[in-house]
Amino acid sequence: MIPLLLSAYTATTCLGRGLDATRSALRTGRSGLAPCAFETVQLDTWLGEVASVDDEKLPAALAAYDCRNNRLTRMALETDGFADRARTAIARYGKTRVGVFLGTSTAGILQTELAYRRRDPQTGVLPDDFHYRTTHNSFSLAEFTRDYFGLEGMAMAISTACSSSAKVFAAAARQLELGTIDAAIVGGVDTLCLTTLYGFASLQLTSAQPCRPYDAERNGISVGEGAAFALLERCDRVANTPAAGSVLLLGTGESSDAYHMSSPHPEGLGARQAMEAALRSAGLGITDIDYINLHGTATPANDAAEGKAVAALFGQTVACSSTKGATGHTLGAAGAVEAIICALAITDGFLPGSPGTQNLDPVIPIDYLKQGRPGTVRRALTNSFGFGGSNCSLILGVAP
């Protein structure tokens, strides 16, 4: 694929709002996880909840989109100057030439859960102020973002569980290469809801402790929420040649092994196929990768399968870590959040560690970082794998 410039990017998670909060937490090894105190949920687990989301107010003209997911969307868009950079690109290319490609798993499902509490006790009818299409609907996220910027062109929502907001980078890259658009707002947003928390608990996938990716005693995930965005532009379309040190999207790789609805292929087949496809897309070999941000959910099956795939492909030659011990598993937003973490690793020269991980699983032979450390990262690979075997790997690199 043609390299694409990340001309602006931002991330908001339980670590804090924006890039500075994220990089500070990664450098100090701080986790944002805390015991569950969300809504009426009564579960013995830890969460990555973003502070002050419900204090965010949407513009009056977009009130129909009001839900926790779109409040977090606006919060993130207006962080790190991202919205201003997006508006500059829109002014340069035109309202029909900037696409929107966003990923989510549950979108505004919390709004439906809250509406059901207010059903008419006699008829069961939902309240008149509940709008499914602009809240719960997966496309709500993309439609809200398009309307927020007054865009009139291509918009797409991808919902493939935990690979959702990684796959949007690949979808946007295809359109940019075809020339149907000149720039793209990509990313993902997922917020906490009761369905997600009780659902993962029913699958016995949540941990009663902060999650411990790749630990010998790992026993489940810590659900998180987050939002991350990037502005992708073709390098031959931007006003100037990307400056040395700028971050580029170099390659994308997707696969679908369809092994099981909720369990990965035990040998990591789909994971390996996605990583190999990303390397081919970028025209790179295994020795060209300096850091791998692992999917690393801290479930026994997921980490074992991904670890086998990484070990088979890279051996112990590349430093790896999962940052979900810091952010929690942000589900449909994880791909975008962790792509931005890779961008920070490249620009800051710092390889993040794995908060919570104590004793590495000895049967997974990879170079896993429990603590972060300084290091040159010219190219980073990030993995995102979803239920049903929907896999995506991205490669980011530094502009020469």
Protein backbone atom coordinates (compact mmCIF):
# COMPACT_ATOMS: atom_id res chain seq x y z
CA MET A 1 0.00 0.00 0.00
CA ILE A 2 1.03 3.63 -0.34
CA PRO A 3 2.23 5.11 2.98
CA LEU A 4 -0.31 7.42 4.60
CA LEU A 5 0.41 10.30 6.94
CA LEU A 6 -1.16 10.45 10.38
CA SER A 7 -1.31 14.23 10.29
CA ALA A 8 -3.16 14.42 13.63
CA TYR A 9 -4.12 11.91 16.30
CA THR A 10 -5.49 11.73 19.82
CA ALA A 11 -6.58 9.21 22.46
CA THR A 12 -8.69 9.38 25.61
CA THR A 13 -8.96 6.45 28.02
CA CYS A 14 -9.00 5.82 31.75
CA LEU A 15 -5.37 7.01 31.69
CA GLY A 16 -6.66 10.52 31.01
CA ARG A 17 -7.66 12.87 28.26
CA GLY A 18 -5.23 13.27 25.38
CA LEU A 19 -1.70 12.35 24.37
CA ASP A 20 0.16 13.94 27.26
CA ALA A 21 -1.87 12.03 29.85
CA THR A 22 -1.37 8.81 27.87
CA ARG A 23 2.39 9.18 27.43
CA SER A 24 2.87 10.16 31.08
CA ALA A 25 1.05 7.05 32.28
CA LEU A 26 2.94 4.78 29.89
CA ARG A 27 6.30 6.20 30.99
CA THR A 28 5.56 5.73 34.68
CA GLY A 29 3.85 2.36 34.26
CA ARG A 30 0.62 3.68 35.76
CA SER A 31 -2.64 1.82 35.30
CA GLY A 32 -6.01 3.55 35.07
CA LEU A 33 -7.96 0.49 36.22
CA ALA A 34 -10.16 0.69 39.33
CA PRO A 35 -12.74 -1.54 41.06
CA CYS A 36 -16.08 -1.61 39.26
CA ALA A 37 -18.35 1.25 40.31
CA PHE A 38 -20.22 1.80 37.04
CA GLU A 39 -23.96 2.43 37.01
CA THR A 40 -25.85 -0.33 38.87
CA VAL A 41 -23.36 -3.07 37.97
CA GLN A 42 -22.56 -5.46 40.81
CA LEU A 43 -19.59 -7.49 39.63
CA ASP A 44 -16.30 -8.31 41.30
CA THR A 45 -14.07 -6.93 38.57
CA TRP A 46 -11.93 -3.93 37.62
CA LEU A 47 -12.75 -1.36 34.94
CA GLY A 48 -11.09 1.32 32.87
CA GLU A 49 -13.69 4.09 33.12
CA VAL A 50 -13.11 7.51 31.56
CA ALA A 51 -13.74 10.38 33.96
CA SER A 52 -16.38 13.07 33.36
CA VAL A 53 -17.90 11.61 30.19
CA ASP A 54 -21.44 12.45 31.27
CA ASP A 55 -20.46 16.06 31.92
CA GLU A 56 -19.84 16.49 28.19
CA LYS A 57 -22.58 18.40 26.37
CA LEU A 58 -23.37 17.96 22.68
CA PRO A 59 -24.23 20.97 20.53
CA ALA A 60 -27.97 21.72 20.55
CA ALA A 61 -28.22 20.96 16.83
CA LEU A 62 -26.91 17.45 17.47
CA ALA A 63 -29.00 16.71 20.59
CA ALA A 64 -30.61 13.67 18.94
CA TYR A 65 -27.22 11.93 19.12
CA ASP A 66 -26.92 12.33 22.88
CA CYS A 67 -25.62 9.17 24.55
CA ARG A 68 -22.53 8.18 26.49
CA ASN A 69 -20.75 6.96 23.36
CA ASN A 70 -21.20 10.19 21.44
CA ARG A 71 -20.33 12.29 24.47
CA LEU A 72 -16.99 10.49 24.67
CA THR A 73 -16.65 10.94 20.90
CA ARG A 74 -16.98 14.73 21.21
CA MET A 75 -14.64 14.80 24.21
CA ALA A 76 -11.92 13.05 22.21
CA LEU A 77 -12.48 15.01 19.00
CA GLU A 78 -11.94 18.26 20.91
CA THR A 79 -8.67 17.07 22.46
CA ASP A 80 -5.10 17.62 21.26
CA GLY A 81 -6.38 20.08 18.66
CA PHE A 82 -7.73 17.19 16.59
CA ALA A 83 -10.99 18.86 15.56
CA ASP A 84 -9.11 21.97 14.38
CA ARG A 85 -6.76 19.86 12.27
CA ALA A 86 -9.73 17.97 10.81
CA ARG A 87 -11.47 21.25 9.90
CA THR A 88 -8.30 22.49 8.21
CA ALA A 89 -8.23 19.33 6.08
CA ILE A 90 -11.91 19.72 5.24
CA ALA A 91 -11.32 23.31 4.12
CA ARG A 92 -8.42 22.11 1.94
CA TYR A 93 -10.10 19.10 0.29
CA GLY A 94 -13.82 19.84 0.48
CA LYS A 95 -16.76 18.36 2.40
CA THR A 96 -17.19 15.45 0.01
CA ARG A 97 -13.51 14.46 -0.07
CA VAL A 98 -12.92 13.67 3.60
CA GLY A 99 -14.24 10.25 4.64
CA VAL A 100 -15.27 8.99 8.06
CA PHE A 101 -14.32 5.42 9.05
CA LEU A 102 -15.00 4.52 12.68
CA GLY A 103 -15.20 1.32 14.68
CA THR A 104 -17.28 0.33 17.70
CA SER A 105 -18.65 -2.82 19.26
CA THR A 106 -21.62 -1.62 21.31
CA ALA A 107 -21.99 2.06 20.29
CA GLY A 108 -24.78 3.64 22.36
CA ILE A 109 -26.33 0.48 23.75
CA LEU A 110 -26.34 2.01 27.24
CA GLN A 111 -28.96 4.47 25.98
CA THR A 112 -31.27 1.55 25.21
CA GLU A 113 -30.61 0.00 28.61
CA LEU A 114 -31.52 3.27 30.30
CA ALA A 115 -34.62 3.65 28.11
CA TYR A 116 -35.87 0.21 29.10
CA ARG A 117 -35.89 1.34 32.72
CA ARG A 118 -38.38 4.04 31.72
CA ARG A 119 -40.81 1.91 29.74
CA ASP A 120 -44.51 2.56 30.21
CA PRO A 121 -45.49 0.20 33.05
CA GLN A 122 -48.75 -0.72 31.33
CA THR A 123 -47.78 -1.05 27.67
CA GLY A 124 -44.03 -1.52 27.82
CA VAL A 125 -43.61 1.26 25.24
CA LEU A 126 -40.20 2.95 25.25
CA PRO A 127 -40.03 6.68 26.08
CA ASP A 128 -40.58 9.17 23.27
CA ASP A 129 -37.15 10.75 23.78
CA PHE A 130 -35.34 7.49 22.95
CA HIS A 131 -33.86 7.51 19.43
CA TYR A 132 -32.40 4.14 18.44
CA ARG A 133 -30.99 5.29 15.09
CA THR A 134 -28.91 8.13 16.49
CA THR A 135 -27.72 6.42 19.69
CA HIS A 136 -27.75 2.63 19.90
CA ASN A 137 -27.23 2.04 16.18
CA SER A 138 -23.61 1.24 15.32
CA PHE A 139 -23.66 3.85 12.55
CA SER A 140 -24.57 6.54 15.08
CA LEU A 141 -20.87 7.08 15.85
CA ALA A 142 -19.94 7.69 12.21
CA GLU A 143 -23.05 9.72 11.46
CA PHE A 144 -22.53 11.93 14.51
CA THR A 145 -18.89 12.56 13.56
CA ARG A 146 -19.83 13.34 9.95
CA ASP A 147 -22.51 15.78 11.07
CA TYR A 148 -20.23 17.27 13.73
CA PHE A 149 -17.84 18.38 10.99
CA GLY A 150 -20.54 19.12 8.39
CA LEU A 151 -19.19 16.48 6.03
CA GLU A 152 -21.13 15.24 3.02
CA GLY A 153 -19.10 12.31 1.74
CA MET A 154 -18.28 8.71 2.49
CA ALA A 155 -18.95 7.45 6.02
CA MET A 156 -18.68 3.94 7.40
CA ALA A 157 -19.02 2.18 10.75
CA ILE A 158 -17.28 -1.15 11.27
CA SER A 159 -18.36 -3.45 14.08
CA THR A 160 -16.25 -6.60 14.16
CA ALA A 161 -15.89 -6.83 17.93
CA CYS A 162 -12.39 -6.04 19.18
CA SER A 163 -10.80 -5.58 15.74
CA SER A 164 -13.31 -2.88 14.72
CA SER A 165 -11.18 0.25 14.98
CA ALA A 166 -8.09 -1.40 13.54
CA LYS A 167 -10.00 -2.47 10.44
CA VAL A 168 -11.12 1.12 9.78
CA PHE A 169 -7.50 2.01 9.00
CA ALA A 170 -7.49 -0.68 6.30
CA ALA A 171 -10.88 0.40 4.93
CA ALA A 172 -9.80 4.04 4.72
CA ALA A 173 -6.45 3.11 3.17
CA ARG A 174 -8.20 1.33 0.32
CA GLN A 175 -10.35 4.36 -0.47
CA LEU A 176 -7.39 6.74 -0.26
CA GLU A 177 -5.42 4.55 -2.64
CA LEU A 178 -8.36 4.40 -5.05
CA GLY A 179 -8.58 8.18 -4.98
CA THR A 180 -12.24 8.32 -3.96
CA ILE A 181 -11.23 10.55 -1.02
CA ASP A 182 -8.22 12.71 -0.14
CA ALA A 183 -8.29 12.36 3.65
CA ALA A 184 -10.03 10.24 6.26
CA ILE A 185 -11.02 10.58 9.88
CA VAL A 186 -10.42 7.11 11.32
CA GLY A 187 -10.70 5.73 14.81
CA GLY A 188 -12.98 4.07 17.30
CA VAL A 189 -15.12 4.70 20.36
CA ASP A 190 -16.59 2.24 22.84
CA THR A 191 -18.18 3.01 26.19
CA LEU A 192 -19.16 0.94 29.17
CA CYS A 193 -22.62 -0.58 29.33
CA LEU A 194 -24.38 -3.25 31.34
CA THR A 195 -24.69 -5.66 28.41
CA THR A 196 -20.92 -5.72 27.89
CA LEU A 197 -20.03 -6.13 31.54
CA TYR A 198 -22.55 -8.80 32.40
CA GLY A 199 -21.98 -10.48 29.04
CA PHE A 200 -18.25 -10.92 29.52
CA ALA A 201 -18.85 -12.02 33.11
CA SER A 202 -21.31 -14.68 31.91
CA LEU A 203 -18.59 -16.00 29.59
CA GLN A 204 -16.28 -16.20 32.63
CA LEU A 205 -13.83 -13.87 30.90
CA THR A 206 -13.60 -11.08 33.51
CA SER A 207 -11.02 -11.02 36.26
CA ALA A 208 -11.60 -10.08 39.90
CA GLN A 209 -8.19 -8.36 39.80
CA PRO A 210 -6.58 -5.86 37.44
CA CYS A 211 -5.85 -7.81 34.25
CA ARG A 212 -2.39 -9.35 33.84
CA PRO A 213 -1.58 -9.91 30.16
CA TYR A 214 0.80 -12.78 29.43
CA ASP A 215 1.16 -13.56 33.13
CA ALA A 216 1.36 -17.21 34.09
CA GLU A 217 -1.61 -16.61 36.43
CA ARG A 218 -3.70 -14.46 34.07
CA ASN A 219 -7.40 -15.14 34.48
CA GLY A 220 -9.42 -12.62 32.51
CA ILE A 221 -9.96 -9.16 31.14
CA SER A 222 -10.58 -5.76 32.65
CA VAL A 223 -13.19 -4.04 30.47
CA GLY A 224 -12.37 -0.45 29.57
CA GLU A 225 -13.75 2.37 27.47
CA GLY A 226 -11.98 4.83 25.25
CA ALA A 227 -11.87 6.92 22.10
CA ALA A 228 -9.06 7.45 19.62
CA PHE A 229 -8.88 9.24 16.29
CA ALA A 230 -6.38 9.82 13.53
CA LEU A 231 -6.46 11.97 10.42
CA LEU A 232 -5.07 10.02 7.48
CA GLU A 233 -3.83 11.83 4.38
CA ARG A 234 -2.01 10.76 1.25
CA CYS A 235 1.54 12.05 1.40
CA ASP A 236 1.22 13.41 -2.16
CA ARG A 237 -1.89 15.38 -1.20
CA VAL A 238 -0.68 17.25 1.88
CA ALA A 239 0.56 20.82 1.52
CA ASN A 240 4.15 19.88 2.27
CA THR A 241 6.22 16.71 2.31
CA PRO A 242 5.77 15.02 5.71
CA ALA A 243 8.46 16.21 8.09
CA ALA A 244 11.10 13.78 9.27
CA GLY A 245 9.79 12.02 12.35
CA SER A 246 6.15 12.15 11.26
CA VAL A 247 4.17 8.95 11.77
CA LEU A 248 3.00 6.97 8.73
CA LEU A 249 0.62 4.07 8.27
CA LEU A 250 2.77 1.63 6.30
CA GLY A 251 0.74 -1.55 6.10
CA THR A 252 -2.51 -3.28 7.04
CA GLY A 253 -3.33 -6.96 7.25
CA GLU A 254 -6.67 -8.65 7.78
CA SER A 255 -7.80 -12.24 8.15
CA SER A 256 -10.84 -14.21 9.22
CA ASP A 257 -10.19 -17.68 10.56
CA ALA A 258 -13.81 -18.16 11.81
CA TYR A 259 -12.54 -20.82 14.20
CA HIS A 260 -15.07 -20.18 16.98
CA MET A 261 -17.54 -17.50 18.03
CA SER A 262 -15.58 -16.47 21.14
CA SER A 263 -12.30 -18.41 21.18
CA PRO A 264 -9.23 -17.83 18.98
CA HIS A 265 -7.67 -20.54 16.84
CA PRO A 266 -5.48 -22.40 19.37
CA GLU A 267 -2.38 -22.09 17.17
CA GLY A 268 -3.07 -18.45 16.37
CA LEU A 269 -3.64 -19.16 12.67
CA GLY A 270 -5.68 -16.04 11.94
CA ALA A 271 -3.35 -13.88 14.02
CA ARG A 272 -0.33 -15.05 12.06
CA GLN A 273 -2.12 -14.55 8.73
CA ALA A 274 -3.00 -10.97 9.68
CA MET A 275 0.58 -10.15 10.72
CA GLU A 276 2.00 -11.70 7.55
CA ALA A 277 -0.48 -9.75 5.42
CA ALA A 278 0.50 -6.50 7.15
CA LEU A 279 4.19 -7.17 6.47
CA ARG A 280 3.43 -7.87 2.80
CA SER A 281 1.31 -4.75 2.57
CA ALA A 282 4.17 -2.64 3.96
CA GLY A 283 6.86 -4.44 1.95
CA LEU A 284 8.73 -5.29 5.16
CA GLY A 285 10.34 -8.33 6.74
CA ILE A 286 10.25 -9.53 10.32
CA THR A 287 13.58 -7.87 11.13
CA ASP A 288 12.12 -4.47 10.19
CA ILE A 289 9.75 -4.39 13.19
CA ASP A 290 11.05 -2.80 16.40
CA TYR A 291 8.02 -3.19 18.68
CA ILE A 292 4.77 -5.18 18.75
CA ASN A 293 1.74 -3.98 20.67
CA LEU A 294 0.01 -7.26 21.38
CA HIS A 295 -3.74 -7.79 21.54
CA GLY A 296 -2.98 -9.35 24.94
CA THR A 297 -6.39 -9.46 26.63
CA ALA A 298 -5.10 -11.50 29.63
CA THR A 299 -7.42 -14.44 29.02
CA PRO A 300 -5.63 -17.80 29.04
CA ALA A 301 -6.70 -18.78 25.51
CA ASN A 302 -6.15 -15.44 23.78
CA ASP A 303 -2.65 -14.78 25.06
CA ALA A 304 -1.56 -18.37 24.41
CA ALA A 305 -2.81 -18.30 20.81
CA GLU A 306 -1.39 -14.87 19.99
CA GLY A 307 1.88 -15.77 21.72
CA LYS A 308 2.23 -18.87 19.54
CA ALA A 309 1.66 -16.84 16.40
CA VAL A 310 4.15 -14.12 17.38
CA ALA A 311 6.75 -16.67 18.46
CA ALA A 312 6.36 -18.64 15.22
CA LEU A 313 6.78 -15.52 13.10
CA PHE A 314 9.19 -13.34 15.07
CA GLY A 315 10.76 -15.64 17.64
CA GLN A 316 12.25 -13.59 20.46
CA THR A 317 13.71 -10.91 18.20
CA VAL A 318 11.13 -8.16 18.76
CA ALA A 319 10.14 -6.42 21.99
CA CYS A 320 6.43 -6.92 22.74
CA SER A 321 3.90 -5.82 25.31
CA SER A 322 0.19 -5.48 25.88
CA THR A 323 -0.93 -2.11 27.24
CA LYS A 324 -4.36 -3.38 28.33
CA GLY A 325 -3.09 -3.56 31.91
CA ALA A 326 -2.98 0.24 31.69
CA THR A 327 -6.13 1.05 29.69
CA GLY A 328 -8.26 -2.03 30.14
CA HIS A 329 -9.69 -3.73 27.07
CA THR A 330 -11.46 -0.91 25.24
CA LEU A 331 -13.11 -3.43 22.92
CA GLY A 332 -14.16 -1.78 19.64
CA ALA A 333 -11.88 1.18 20.38
CA ALA A 334 -8.83 -0.96 21.19
CA GLY A 335 -7.38 -1.03 17.67
CA ALA A 336 -7.33 2.76 17.38
CA VAL A 337 -6.21 3.35 20.97
CA GLU A 338 -3.27 0.98 20.55
CA ALA A 339 -2.36 2.37 17.13
CA ILE A 340 -2.01 5.77 18.82
CA ILE A 341 0.10 4.18 21.56
CA CYS A 342 2.37 2.85 18.80
CA ALA A 343 2.54 6.33 17.29
CA LEU A 344 3.71 7.64 20.67
CA ALA A 345 6.30 4.86 20.93
CA ILE A 346 7.67 5.99 17.56
CA THR A 347 7.72 9.73 18.28
CA ASP A 348 8.86 9.45 21.91
CA GLY A 349 11.39 6.64 21.57
CA PHE A 350 9.79 4.71 24.42
CA LEU A 351 8.58 1.10 24.45
CA PRO A 352 5.63 0.75 26.85
CA GLY A 353 5.52 -1.98 29.45
CA SER A 354 2.66 -4.04 30.83
CA PRO A 355 1.21 -2.78 34.14
CA GLY A 356 -0.14 -5.64 36.24
CA THR A 357 1.93 -8.39 34.64
CA GLN A 358 4.19 -10.00 37.24
CA ASN A 359 5.36 -13.52 36.34
CA LEU A 360 5.58 -14.16 32.62
CA ASP A 361 4.09 -17.35 31.23
CA PRO A 362 7.15 -19.53 30.59
CA VAL A 363 5.51 -21.44 27.74
CA ILE A 364 5.18 -18.32 25.56
CA PRO A 365 8.68 -17.68 24.14
CA ILE A 366 8.55 -13.99 23.16
CA ASP A 367 10.49 -10.92 24.28
CA TYR A 368 7.80 -9.50 26.57
CA LEU A 369 8.32 -6.20 28.38
CA LYS A 370 6.92 -6.00 31.90
CA GLN A 371 8.40 -2.53 32.35
CA GLY A 372 8.72 0.14 29.70
CA ARG A 373 12.10 1.32 28.54
CA PRO A 374 13.62 3.89 26.17
CA GLY A 375 14.37 2.58 22.70
CA THR A 376 14.32 3.56 19.06
CA VAL A 377 11.11 2.50 17.36
CA ARG A 378 11.12 3.10 13.62
CA ARG A 379 8.35 0.62 12.86
CA ALA A 380 5.71 -0.82 15.18
CA LEU A 381 3.11 -3.51 14.60
CA THR A 382 -0.16 -3.62 16.54
CA ASN A 383 -2.58 -6.54 16.74
CA SER A 384 -6.35 -6.51 17.22
CA PHE A 385 -8.36 -9.72 17.22
CA GLY A 386 -12.14 -9.97 17.57
CA PHE A 387 -14.74 -12.60 18.41
CA GLY A 388 -15.55 -14.81 15.46
CA GLY A 389 -11.96 -14.78 14.20
CA SER A 390 -11.93 -11.24 12.76
CA ASN A 391 -8.26 -10.24 12.89
CA CYS A 392 -6.34 -7.12 11.93
CA SER A 393 -2.71 -6.01 12.20
CA LEU A 394 -1.39 -2.54 11.43
CA ILE A 395 2.18 -1.35 10.87
CA LEU A 396 3.12 2.22 11.66
CA GLY A 397 6.49 3.79 10.93
CA VAL A 398 8.48 6.98 11.02
CA ALA A 399 8.83 9.24 7.98
CA PRO A 400 12.44 9.44 6.77
